[in-house]
Protein backbone atom coordinates (compact mmCIF):
# COMPACT_ATOMS: atom_id res chain seq x y z
CA MET A 1 -69.68 -41.02 85.20
CA ASN A 2 -67.03 -38.74 83.67
CA GLN A 3 -67.71 -35.02 83.80
CA PRO A 4 -67.75 -32.97 80.60
CA GLU A 5 -64.30 -31.98 79.34
CA SER A 6 -64.94 -28.29 80.00
CA ILE A 7 -65.07 -28.83 83.76
CA GLN A 8 -61.73 -28.22 85.51
CA MET A 9 -60.08 -31.05 87.45
CA LEU A 10 -57.49 -28.74 88.98
CA GLU A 11 -56.86 -24.99 88.94
CA ALA A 12 -53.89 -23.09 90.39
CA ASN A 13 -54.34 -19.34 90.83
CA ARG A 14 -51.16 -17.38 91.66
CA LEU A 15 -49.97 -20.37 93.65
CA GLY A 16 -46.65 -19.82 95.45
CA LEU A 17 -44.55 -21.67 98.02
CA LYS A 18 -41.97 -20.54 100.57
CA ILE A 19 -40.04 -22.80 102.94
CA ALA A 20 -38.04 -21.33 105.85
CA GLY A 21 -38.43 -17.90 104.27
CA GLU A 22 -36.98 -19.02 100.94
CA THR A 23 -39.12 -18.80 97.81
CA ILE A 24 -39.32 -22.23 96.20
CA ILE A 25 -42.17 -21.58 93.74
CA HIS A 26 -42.97 -18.12 92.46
CA PRO A 27 -46.68 -17.38 91.88
CA LEU A 28 -47.95 -19.42 88.94
CA SER A 29 -51.33 -20.22 87.41
CA PHE A 30 -52.57 -23.09 85.26
CA GLN A 31 -55.59 -25.36 84.76
CA LEU A 32 -56.16 -29.04 84.06
CA LYS A 33 -59.42 -30.29 82.58
CA GLN A 34 -61.14 -33.47 83.61
CA SER A 35 -59.49 -35.67 80.96
CA GLU A 36 -56.02 -34.11 81.02
CA SER A 37 -52.76 -35.34 82.52
CA LEU A 38 -49.65 -33.35 83.34
CA ALA A 39 -45.86 -33.65 83.21
CA ILE A 40 -43.71 -31.34 85.34
CA THR A 41 -40.18 -30.87 83.98
CA GLY A 42 -37.27 -28.54 84.56
CA ALA A 43 -33.71 -28.50 85.80
CA SER A 44 -32.74 -30.04 89.11
CA GLY A 45 -33.66 -27.60 91.90
CA SER A 46 -36.30 -25.81 89.82
CA GLY A 47 -39.10 -26.75 92.24
CA LYS A 48 -40.63 -29.75 90.45
CA THR A 49 -40.96 -32.03 93.49
CA MET A 50 -42.28 -29.23 95.72
CA LEU A 51 -44.95 -28.33 93.16
CA GLY A 52 -45.87 -32.01 92.99
CA ARG A 53 -46.24 -32.14 96.79
CA VAL A 54 -48.52 -29.12 96.72
CA LEU A 55 -50.70 -30.72 94.03
CA ALA A 56 -50.78 -33.97 96.04
CA GLY A 57 -51.83 -32.14 99.22
CA GLN A 58 -48.62 -32.90 101.13
CA LEU A 59 -47.75 -29.20 101.31
CA SER A 60 -50.01 -26.16 101.53
CA PRO A 61 -49.25 -23.21 99.26
CA SER A 62 -47.87 -20.10 100.95
CA SER A 63 -49.84 -17.83 98.63
CA GLY A 64 -52.59 -18.06 96.04
CA GLU A 65 -54.98 -20.99 95.90
CA LEU A 66 -55.31 -24.47 94.52
CA LEU A 67 -58.84 -25.50 93.50
CA ILE A 68 -59.47 -29.25 93.31
CA ASN A 69 -62.62 -31.19 92.50
CA PRO A 70 -64.34 -32.00 95.83
CA GLY A 71 -63.76 -35.54 97.03
CA LEU A 72 -60.79 -36.13 94.74
CA ARG A 73 -58.33 -38.43 96.49
CA ARG A 74 -54.78 -37.21 95.95
CA LEU A 75 -51.66 -39.33 96.54
CA MET A 76 -47.98 -39.10 95.65
CA VAL A 77 -45.23 -41.64 95.05
CA ASP A 78 -41.91 -40.09 96.07
CA GLN A 79 -38.73 -40.79 94.16
CA GLN A 80 -37.29 -42.27 97.37
CA ASP A 81 -39.37 -45.12 98.81
CA HIS A 82 -38.78 -44.64 102.59
CA PHE A 83 -39.31 -48.39 103.14
CA ILE A 84 -36.83 -48.42 105.96
CA ALA A 85 -36.63 -46.41 109.18
CA PHE A 86 -33.23 -44.88 109.77
CA SER A 87 -31.90 -44.50 113.29
CA GLY A 88 -29.51 -41.62 112.67
CA ARG A 89 -26.65 -43.41 114.47
CA ARG A 90 -23.17 -42.19 113.75
CA SER A 91 -22.14 -45.17 111.62
CA LEU A 92 -24.34 -47.43 109.57
CA HIS A 93 -23.65 -49.90 106.79
CA ASP A 94 -25.83 -51.68 104.29
CA GLY A 95 -25.04 -55.23 105.40
CA LEU A 96 -28.33 -55.87 107.21
CA ARG A 97 -30.03 -56.18 103.81
CA TYR A 98 -27.96 -59.32 103.16
CA GLU A 99 -28.28 -61.08 106.52
CA ASN A 100 -31.17 -63.53 106.70
CA GLN A 101 -31.29 -63.68 110.48
CA ASP A 102 -31.86 -59.94 110.72
CA MET A 103 -34.63 -59.92 108.12
CA GLU A 104 -37.07 -62.28 109.85
CA MET A 105 -39.26 -59.47 111.18
CA GLU A 106 -39.30 -57.53 107.93
CA PRO A 107 -42.45 -57.84 105.79
CA THR A 108 -42.59 -59.56 102.44
CA VAL A 109 -44.02 -57.79 99.42
CA GLN A 110 -47.28 -59.71 99.88
CA GLU A 111 -47.53 -58.81 103.57
CA PHE A 112 -46.83 -55.18 102.78
CA LEU A 113 -49.47 -54.96 100.05
CA LEU A 114 -52.05 -56.92 102.04
CA ARG A 115 -51.64 -54.36 104.81
CA VAL A 116 -52.49 -51.68 102.25
CA LYS A 117 -55.44 -53.70 101.01
CA VAL A 118 -56.85 -54.16 104.52
CA LYS A 119 -56.61 -50.43 105.18
CA ASN A 120 -58.24 -49.55 101.87
CA THR A 121 -61.78 -48.41 102.57
CA THR A 122 -62.87 -48.66 98.93
CA GLY A 123 -62.18 -52.38 98.81
CA ILE A 124 -60.36 -54.44 96.17
CA SER A 125 -60.78 -58.11 95.31
CA GLU A 126 -58.01 -60.69 95.45
CA THR A 127 -58.38 -61.09 91.69
CA ALA A 128 -57.89 -57.37 91.13
CA LEU A 129 -54.84 -57.41 93.41
CA SER A 130 -53.32 -60.32 91.48
CA GLU A 131 -54.00 -58.59 88.17
CA LEU A 132 -52.36 -55.38 89.42
CA LEU A 133 -49.22 -57.27 90.47
CA LYS A 134 -49.14 -59.03 87.12
CA GLN A 135 -49.45 -55.77 85.20
CA LEU A 136 -46.56 -54.30 87.20
CA GLU A 137 -44.54 -57.52 86.76
CA ILE A 138 -44.01 -58.08 90.48
CA GLU A 139 -46.26 -61.10 91.06
CA HIS A 140 -43.14 -63.29 91.37
CA LEU A 141 -41.87 -61.09 94.21
CA SER A 142 -44.70 -61.82 96.65
CA ASP A 143 -42.55 -63.83 99.08
CA ARG A 144 -39.49 -61.59 98.79
CA LYS A 145 -38.52 -59.45 101.78
CA LEU A 146 -39.36 -55.84 101.04
CA LEU A 147 -35.90 -54.53 101.90
CA GLN A 148 -34.19 -57.08 99.65
CA LEU A 149 -35.78 -55.80 96.46
CA SER A 150 -33.74 -54.14 93.75
CA ASN A 151 -34.21 -50.45 93.07
CA GLY A 152 -36.54 -51.09 90.11
CA GLU A 153 -38.56 -53.71 92.02
CA ARG A 154 -39.05 -51.30 94.90
CA LYS A 155 -40.36 -48.63 92.56
CA ARG A 156 -43.00 -50.96 91.13
CA THR A 157 -43.99 -52.08 94.64
CA GLN A 158 -44.38 -48.41 95.65
CA LEU A 159 -46.72 -47.86 92.71
CA ALA A 160 -48.79 -50.93 93.55
CA ALA A 161 -49.21 -49.74 97.15
CA VAL A 162 -50.51 -46.37 96.01
CA LEU A 163 -52.84 -47.70 93.32
CA LEU A 164 -54.46 -49.96 95.92
CA GLN A 165 -55.65 -46.72 97.54
CA LYS A 166 -57.55 -45.84 94.34
CA PRO A 167 -56.47 -42.21 93.98
CA GLY A 168 -58.27 -39.83 91.66
CA LEU A 169 -55.13 -37.74 91.24
CA LEU A 170 -51.73 -39.44 91.37
CA VAL A 171 -48.39 -37.63 91.44
CA LEU A 172 -45.34 -39.71 90.47
CA ASP A 173 -41.89 -38.26 91.17
CA GLN A 174 -39.36 -39.53 88.61
CA PRO A 175 -41.01 -42.97 88.18
CA PHE A 176 -38.67 -44.02 85.35
CA VAL A 177 -35.42 -43.35 87.21
CA GLY A 178 -33.57 -46.61 87.92
CA LEU A 179 -35.70 -48.73 85.59
CA ASP A 180 -34.24 -50.70 82.69
CA PHE A 181 -35.57 -50.29 79.14
CA HIS A 182 -38.11 -53.11 79.41
CA SER A 183 -39.45 -51.89 82.75
CA ARG A 184 -39.75 -48.32 81.49
CA ALA A 185 -41.70 -49.43 78.40
CA ASN A 186 -44.00 -51.60 80.51
CA LEU A 187 -44.63 -48.80 83.02
CA ASN A 188 -45.38 -46.41 80.18
CA ARG A 189 -48.09 -48.76 78.86
CA PHE A 190 -49.46 -49.30 82.35
CA LEU A 191 -49.76 -45.58 83.07
CA LYS A 192 -51.62 -45.06 79.80
CA GLN A 193 -54.13 -47.72 80.88
CA GLN A 194 -54.64 -45.91 84.18
CA VAL A 195 -55.20 -42.56 82.45
CA ASP A 196 -57.64 -44.17 80.01
CA THR A 197 -59.73 -45.37 82.97
CA GLY A 198 -60.01 -41.83 84.38
CA LEU A 199 -56.96 -41.32 86.62
CA CYS A 200 -55.62 -37.75 86.66
CA LEU A 201 -51.88 -38.35 86.37
CA VAL A 202 -49.12 -35.87 87.24
CA VAL A 203 -45.59 -37.07 86.43
CA ILE A 204 -42.41 -35.30 87.51
CA THR A 205 -39.82 -36.31 84.93
CA ASP A 206 -37.08 -35.19 82.60
CA PRO A 207 -38.11 -34.10 79.10
CA LYS A 208 -36.79 -37.30 77.50
CA HIS A 209 -39.11 -39.60 79.46
CA ILE A 210 -42.51 -37.90 79.35
CA PRO A 211 -45.10 -40.73 79.20
CA GLU A 212 -47.26 -41.13 76.10
CA SER A 213 -50.37 -40.58 78.22
CA ILE A 214 -49.42 -36.98 79.10
CA SER A 215 -51.44 -34.19 77.46
CA ARG A 216 -49.99 -31.06 79.14
CA VAL A 217 -46.46 -30.06 80.16
CA ILE A 218 -45.23 -27.57 82.76
CA GLU A 219 -41.57 -26.58 82.63
CA LEU A 220 -40.19 -24.78 85.68
CA LYS A 221 -37.10 -22.61 85.72
CA LYS A 222 -35.76 -21.53 89.12
CA GLY A 223 -39.23 -21.81 90.62
CA ASN A 224 -40.93 -19.85 87.83
CA LEU A 225 -43.43 -21.14 85.29
CA HIS A 226 -41.29 -21.20 82.13
CA GLN A 227 -43.78 -23.07 79.91
CA PHE A 228 -47.29 -24.49 80.19
CA VAL A 229 -48.23 -26.01 76.85
CA ARG A 230 -49.86 -28.97 75.21
CA ARG A 231 -47.61 -32.01 74.87
CA ASP A 232 -47.26 -31.69 71.09
CA ALA A 233 -46.18 -28.03 71.44
CA TYR A 234 -43.56 -28.61 74.11
CA ARG A 235 -39.98 -27.70 73.23
CA PRO A 236 -37.68 -28.45 76.16
CA ASP A 237 -35.05 -25.94 77.24
CA PHE A 238 -32.10 -28.30 77.68
CA ASN A 239 -29.80 -25.40 78.57
CA ALA A 240 -31.85 -24.41 81.61
CA SER A 241 -29.73 -26.08 84.27
CA GLY A 242 -30.58 -25.14 87.82
CA MET A 243 -26.91 -24.88 88.76
CA SER A 244 -23.90 -23.01 87.40
CA PHE A 245 -20.57 -24.81 87.17
CA PRO A 246 -17.05 -23.38 87.35
CA ASP A 247 -14.36 -24.47 84.93
CA LEU A 248 -13.18 -28.06 85.28
CA THR A 249 -9.50 -27.24 85.28
CA LEU A 250 -7.05 -26.24 87.95
CA PRO A 251 -6.95 -25.09 90.75
CA LEU A 252 -9.08 -27.97 92.08
CA PHE A 253 -6.93 -30.72 90.63
CA SER A 254 -3.70 -29.05 91.71
CA GLN A 255 -4.69 -29.58 95.35
CA LEU A 256 -5.80 -33.18 94.90
CA SER A 257 -3.35 -36.01 95.35
CA ASN A 258 -3.25 -39.37 93.71
CA PRO A 259 -4.60 -42.24 95.85
CA LYS A 260 -2.20 -42.94 98.71
CA HIS A 261 -2.27 -46.70 98.22
CA THR A 262 -1.22 -48.63 95.13
CA PHE A 263 -2.87 -51.99 94.52
CA PHE A 264 -2.65 -54.52 91.71
CA ASN A 265 -5.96 -56.34 92.24
CA LEU A 266 -8.62 -54.01 93.51
CA VAL A 267 -11.15 -56.82 93.06
CA ARG A 268 -10.63 -60.46 92.18
CA MET A 269 -13.44 -62.96 92.60
CA ASN A 270 -13.47 -66.59 91.52
CA GLN A 271 -16.68 -68.60 91.02
CA VAL A 272 -18.54 -66.45 93.54
CA GLN A 273 -21.94 -67.70 94.75
CA VAL A 274 -24.54 -65.80 96.78
CA ARG A 275 -27.80 -67.20 98.07
CA LEU A 276 -30.37 -65.21 100.01
CA GLY A 277 -33.66 -66.41 101.40
CA GLY A 278 -33.31 -69.72 99.57
CA ARG A 279 -32.75 -67.96 96.22
CA GLN A 280 -29.62 -68.04 94.10
CA ILE A 281 -28.73 -64.37 93.58
CA LEU A 282 -25.25 -64.75 92.06
CA LYS A 283 -23.88 -67.84 90.35
CA ASN A 284 -20.28 -68.59 89.37
CA ILE A 285 -19.15 -64.97 89.04
CA SER A 286 -15.46 -64.61 88.14
CA TRP A 287 -14.24 -61.04 87.69
CA GLN A 288 -11.05 -59.06 88.10
CA VAL A 289 -10.70 -55.28 88.40
CA GLN A 290 -7.10 -54.11 88.24
CA SER A 291 -5.66 -50.75 89.15
CA GLY A 292 -6.30 -48.12 86.48
CA GLU A 293 -9.25 -49.91 84.87
CA GLN A 294 -12.67 -48.32 84.43
CA TRP A 295 -15.62 -50.73 84.23
CA ALA A 296 -19.27 -50.28 83.33
CA LEU A 297 -21.56 -52.78 85.07
CA LEU A 298 -24.76 -53.42 83.12
CA GLY A 299 -27.85 -55.60 83.47
CA PRO A 300 -31.62 -55.39 83.86
CA ASN A 301 -33.41 -54.78 87.17
CA GLY A 302 -32.94 -57.78 89.44
CA ALA A 303 -29.86 -59.09 87.58
CA GLY A 304 -27.75 -59.06 90.77
CA LYS A 305 -25.73 -55.87 90.25
CA SER A 306 -26.36 -54.42 93.73
CA THR A 307 -25.55 -57.75 95.38
CA LEU A 308 -22.31 -57.96 93.42
CA LEU A 309 -21.36 -54.47 94.56
CA SER A 310 -22.21 -55.34 98.17
CA LEU A 311 -19.44 -57.96 98.13
CA ILE A 312 -16.90 -55.35 97.05
CA THR A 313 -18.03 -52.74 99.60
CA ALA A 314 -17.85 -55.40 102.36
CA ASP A 315 -21.53 -54.95 103.22
CA ASN A 316 -22.43 -58.54 102.32
CA PRO A 317 -21.22 -61.13 104.89
CA GLN A 318 -21.24 -63.86 102.23
CA GLY A 319 -17.97 -62.35 101.00
CA TYR A 320 -16.27 -64.36 103.75
CA ALA A 321 -17.54 -67.64 102.28
CA ASN A 322 -16.24 -66.95 98.77
CA ASP A 323 -12.90 -66.76 96.99
CA LEU A 324 -12.69 -62.97 97.06
CA ILE A 325 -9.70 -60.65 97.08
CA LEU A 326 -10.21 -56.95 97.78
CA PHE A 327 -7.30 -54.52 97.51
CA ASP A 328 -4.73 -57.34 97.29
CA ARG A 329 -6.04 -59.02 100.44
CA GLN A 330 -8.06 -62.21 100.76
CA ARG A 331 -11.44 -61.53 102.33
CA GLY A 332 -11.62 -62.85 105.88
CA THR A 333 -7.94 -62.51 106.85
CA GLY A 334 -8.47 -60.10 109.71
CA GLU A 335 -9.49 -56.92 107.88
CA SER A 336 -12.53 -54.92 109.02
CA ILE A 337 -15.21 -53.53 106.73
CA TRP A 338 -13.79 -50.08 107.44
CA ASP A 339 -10.34 -51.18 106.24
CA ILE A 340 -12.00 -51.92 102.90
CA LYS A 341 -14.32 -48.92 102.77
CA LYS A 342 -11.49 -46.42 103.25
CA HIS A 343 -10.29 -47.33 99.74
CA ILE A 344 -13.72 -46.84 98.12
CA GLY A 345 -15.79 -43.83 97.15
CA PHE A 346 -19.39 -45.02 96.87
CA VAL A 347 -22.75 -43.69 95.67
CA SER A 348 -25.97 -45.65 95.30
CA PRO A 349 -29.74 -45.07 95.59
CA GLU A 350 -29.69 -47.15 98.80
CA LEU A 351 -26.91 -45.07 100.34
CA HIS A 352 -28.95 -41.95 99.57
CA LEU A 353 -31.71 -43.34 101.77
CA TYR A 354 -29.34 -43.60 104.72
CA PHE A 355 -29.15 -39.81 104.82
CA LEU A 356 -32.93 -39.51 105.14
CA ARG A 357 -34.72 -40.51 108.32
CA GLY A 358 -37.93 -42.41 107.72
CA ALA A 359 -40.88 -43.16 109.98
CA GLY A 360 -40.97 -46.86 109.18
CA ILE A 361 -42.34 -49.13 106.49
CA TYR A 362 -46.08 -49.25 107.03
CA ASN A 363 -46.78 -45.72 108.19
CA THR A 364 -45.19 -44.16 105.11
CA ILE A 365 -47.70 -45.75 102.73
CA PRO A 366 -49.37 -42.75 101.08
CA GLY A 367 -52.87 -42.29 102.43
CA LEU A 368 -52.36 -44.55 105.47
CA GLY A 369 -49.99 -42.71 107.76
CA ALA A 370 -50.34 -39.46 109.61
CA SER A 371 -47.51 -37.95 107.59
CA GLY A 372 -47.01 -38.09 103.86
CA HIS A 373 -43.26 -38.42 103.90
CA ALA A 374 -40.24 -38.83 106.12
CA ASN A 375 -38.65 -36.61 108.71
CA TYR A 376 -35.16 -35.71 107.66
CA SER A 377 -31.73 -35.22 109.14
CA ALA A 378 -30.53 -31.72 110.00
CA MET A 379 -27.07 -32.31 108.48
CA THR A 380 -25.76 -29.57 106.24
CA CYS A 381 -24.49 -30.34 102.76
CA LEU A 382 -20.94 -29.74 104.00
CA ASP A 383 -21.52 -32.23 106.86
CA VAL A 384 -22.57 -34.86 104.32
CA VAL A 385 -19.46 -34.34 102.19
CA LEU A 386 -17.18 -34.45 105.25
CA SER A 387 -18.77 -37.75 106.34
CA GLY A 388 -17.08 -39.33 103.33
CA PHE A 389 -13.65 -39.13 104.98
CA HIS A 390 -14.69 -41.63 107.66
CA ASP A 391 -17.48 -43.45 105.77
CA GLU A 392 -20.00 -42.32 108.36
CA VAL A 393 -23.71 -41.69 108.01
CA GLY A 394 -24.54 -38.98 110.50
CA PHE A 395 -22.51 -36.22 112.06
CA THR A 396 -18.81 -36.74 111.52
CA SER A 397 -15.83 -36.58 113.80
CA SER A 398 -14.17 -33.19 113.98
CA PRO A 399 -12.70 -32.61 110.52
CA THR A 400 -9.21 -31.27 109.96
CA ASP A 401 -8.55 -27.96 108.22
CA GLY A 402 -7.36 -29.90 105.17
CA GLN A 403 -10.53 -31.96 105.07
CA GLN A 404 -12.67 -28.83 105.35
CA LYS A 405 -10.73 -27.24 102.48
CA SER A 406 -11.08 -30.32 100.28
CA ALA A 407 -14.82 -30.68 100.98
CA ARG A 408 -15.47 -27.04 100.10
CA ALA A 409 -13.41 -27.39 96.92
CA TRP A 410 -15.51 -30.34 95.77
CA LEU A 411 -18.77 -28.50 96.47
CA ALA A 412 -17.45 -25.56 94.47
CA THR A 413 -16.44 -27.79 91.56
CA LEU A 414 -19.90 -29.35 91.49
CA GLY A 415 -21.63 -25.98 91.58
CA LEU A 416 -22.86 -26.05 95.18
CA THR A 417 -20.72 -23.43 96.93
CA SER A 418 -23.79 -21.63 98.28
CA TRP A 419 -25.16 -24.86 99.77
CA GLN A 420 -22.35 -25.50 102.27
CA LYS A 421 -24.33 -24.45 105.37
CA ARG A 422 -27.80 -25.32 104.13
CA PRO A 423 -29.59 -28.43 105.43
CA PHE A 424 -29.23 -31.44 103.14
CA VAL A 425 -33.01 -31.89 103.16
CA HIS A 426 -33.60 -28.44 101.68
CA ALA A 427 -31.74 -29.41 98.53
CA SER A 428 -33.66 -31.00 95.67
CA LEU A 429 -33.12 -34.73 95.14
CA GLY A 430 -30.85 -33.94 92.21
CA GLU A 431 -28.78 -31.56 94.32
CA GLN A 432 -28.67 -34.14 97.13
CA ARG A 433 -27.26 -36.65 94.65
CA VAL A 434 -24.55 -34.16 93.61
CA VAL A 435 -23.62 -33.67 97.29
CA LEU A 436 -23.30 -37.45 97.67
CA LEU A 437 -21.05 -37.53 94.61
CA ALA A 438 -18.80 -35.00 96.34
CA ARG A 439 -18.85 -37.25 99.42
CA ALA A 440 -17.61 -40.17 97.31
CA LEU A 441 -14.83 -38.12 95.70
CA VAL A 442 -13.61 -36.16 98.71
CA LYS A 443 -10.95 -38.64 99.92
CA SER A 444 -9.52 -39.31 96.42
CA PRO A 445 -10.11 -43.08 96.74
CA PRO A 446 -8.32 -45.59 94.50
CA LEU A 447 -11.72 -47.09 93.54
CA LEU A 448 -14.97 -45.29 92.77
CA ILE A 449 -18.16 -47.36 92.78
CA LEU A 450 -21.02 -45.36 91.30
CA ASP A 451 -24.39 -47.12 91.18
CA GLU A 452 -26.75 -45.11 88.95
CA PRO A 453 -25.03 -41.88 90.09
CA CYS A 454 -26.91 -39.62 87.67
CA GLN A 455 -30.38 -40.49 88.96
CA GLY A 456 -32.23 -37.23 89.55
CA LEU A 457 -29.68 -35.08 87.70
CA ASP A 458 -30.79 -32.90 84.82
CA SER A 459 -29.13 -33.18 81.40
CA GLN A 460 -26.58 -30.44 82.09
CA GLN A 461 -25.64 -31.91 85.48
CA THR A 462 -25.27 -35.35 83.91
CA LYS A 463 -23.04 -33.99 81.15
CA ARG A 464 -21.00 -32.11 83.71
CA PHE A 465 -20.56 -35.14 85.94
CA LEU A 466 -19.50 -37.43 83.10
CA GLN A 467 -16.92 -34.85 82.06
CA LEU A 468 -15.69 -34.74 85.65
CA LEU A 469 -15.31 -38.52 85.76
CA ASN A 470 -13.29 -38.49 82.56
CA VAL A 471 -10.96 -35.84 83.98
CA LEU A 472 -10.65 -37.70 87.29
CA CYS A 473 -9.82 -41.03 85.72
CA HIS A 474 -7.26 -39.38 83.44
CA GLN A 475 -5.73 -36.98 85.98
CA LEU A 476 -5.69 -39.19 89.09
CA LYS A 477 -5.72 -42.63 87.43
CA THR A 478 -8.80 -43.46 89.51
CA SER A 479 -10.31 -46.90 88.97
CA LEU A 480 -14.05 -47.02 88.39
CA ILE A 481 -17.07 -49.33 88.52
CA TYR A 482 -20.00 -47.47 86.96
CA VAL A 483 -23.52 -48.95 87.04
CA THR A 484 -26.14 -47.71 84.59
CA HIS A 485 -29.14 -48.85 82.56
CA ARG A 486 -28.33 -46.42 79.78
CA LYS A 487 -25.41 -47.12 77.44
CA ALA A 488 -25.53 -43.48 76.32
CA GLU A 489 -24.57 -42.55 79.90
CA ILE A 490 -21.41 -44.67 79.99
CA PRO A 491 -18.47 -42.28 80.56
CA ALA A 492 -15.90 -42.00 77.79
CA CYS A 493 -13.21 -43.15 80.24
CA VAL A 494 -14.73 -46.65 80.54
CA THR A 495 -12.39 -49.35 79.27
CA HIS A 496 -14.26 -52.55 80.17
CA LEU A 497 -17.85 -53.85 80.37
CA LEU A 498 -19.41 -56.52 82.57
CA GLN A 499 -23.02 -57.48 81.91
CA LEU A 500 -25.12 -59.61 84.28
CA GLU A 501 -28.33 -61.45 83.59
CA ASN A 502 -30.22 -63.61 86.10
CA GLY A 503 -27.25 -63.51 88.47
CA GLU A 504 -24.71 -64.79 85.93
CA VAL A 505 -22.13 -63.21 83.67
CA LYS A 506 -23.71 -62.64 80.26
CA SER A 507 -20.69 -60.89 78.75
CA LYS A 508 -17.37 -59.47 79.91
CA GLY A 509 -14.60 -57.73 78.01
CA THR A 510 -12.88 -54.58 76.82
CA TYR A 511 -14.68 -51.52 75.49
CA ASP A 512 -13.43 -48.52 73.54
CA GLY A 513 -16.60 -46.42 73.54
CA SER A 514 -18.18 -48.13 70.55
CA THR A 515 -16.66 -51.58 70.12
CA PHE A 516 -16.99 -54.36 72.67
CA GLN A 517 -14.52 -57.26 72.70
CA TRP A 518 -15.95 -60.21 74.61
CA ASN A 519 -13.43 -62.09 76.74
CA HIS A 520 -14.45 -65.70 77.28
């Protein structure tokens, strides 16, 4: 039976948080009633995720108190899924995701969720499980290997795993990031259904994607409570970026050189086919990226975008079996993956995970494991940027003075000068993504591949980064493949579009920022 609306579900009294002596959240106070739900917004680095972890019980406040209804089960879905355990070896690549023989021991979606179901002490019927998967549109993924899911599919699987634990209070960290328009709309409807049945929902999100089911909004600014208002009274402060940026002019670009190598065909593929686990992932893909071109790669979740990129980054071994030219050289003529990677600056949600050490697949299910989230690497932000010179994940070889200078210059340009010696893990997810962008740019590669690079960035950071890309492509003639679900996020420098659907080319042609010319 629901309690009367006047009874508090949650109450924070002068709640504050410090980590390693640094104040993350300044003392703040607010209340949620039994029927209310909450959005937490604010610039990247404002403390949103840390406040969410306190509310979910993953972190204890350093000061003040948090009063919660007794017996309320609290769980959190992190923005990063931690489905894979990372070894922390010096060099890793993403190819294992695309090799069937190395995936035999990995669980399928069904095996993963059944493990959750077995551990669930409250019990759930097979019918209820099937209905949950149907509502989240992942019932067709039951036999798919967990680590072969697309970014959007992984997010929905994360949510299913948590809902099987029947939480009373659920914290979702950026649940709409990486989802296409259809998936976002469907998740919005689904969350409203959950709230209507009594779930206390806390969503960490940007102001543009606050779910319809939210009744209260907290906006943080540099760890302080900037606003706590009803949803209909909320007026976002879009100028409240958590980072300050220097001017995007010289001297940075005066010390950067154009790419050392000149190529005609950066990518040329002819009738490319990729099958994985008995499924056709890509079918008859023909595509050419020439030097100086900037492409946007579009398509819904599961369209095959990540698999297509894996052929270009040399992480997918099926590149050898296809008619594929990379940097004017036929794939499989004696080149190593590192010969290819040295020409590419790369950012993706999956790469981000390689810089976080997880505890494995099953024991990171919220509510099942001893720890709520992963243990992280001790690399500094400068270490991460320097790793881009040698395409390493882990501590790099000894960098040269020139490499150190270039890495610091990129951090300064992206507004992270003060983060050089700080551990990567102590940055917010948005700040971590900016550091990885610097890692991709640091060697001035002839080709940038940016897969949803603005995930986790606030509006000012996104605007800043798109401006930076435009300057880069103009100043250094850098070629670009830019993956996004949002056409409004396509950089002005983009000259061509490729759109995938169900593993096939839906459209391909030139683009001038508003007009698309389809090339048959």
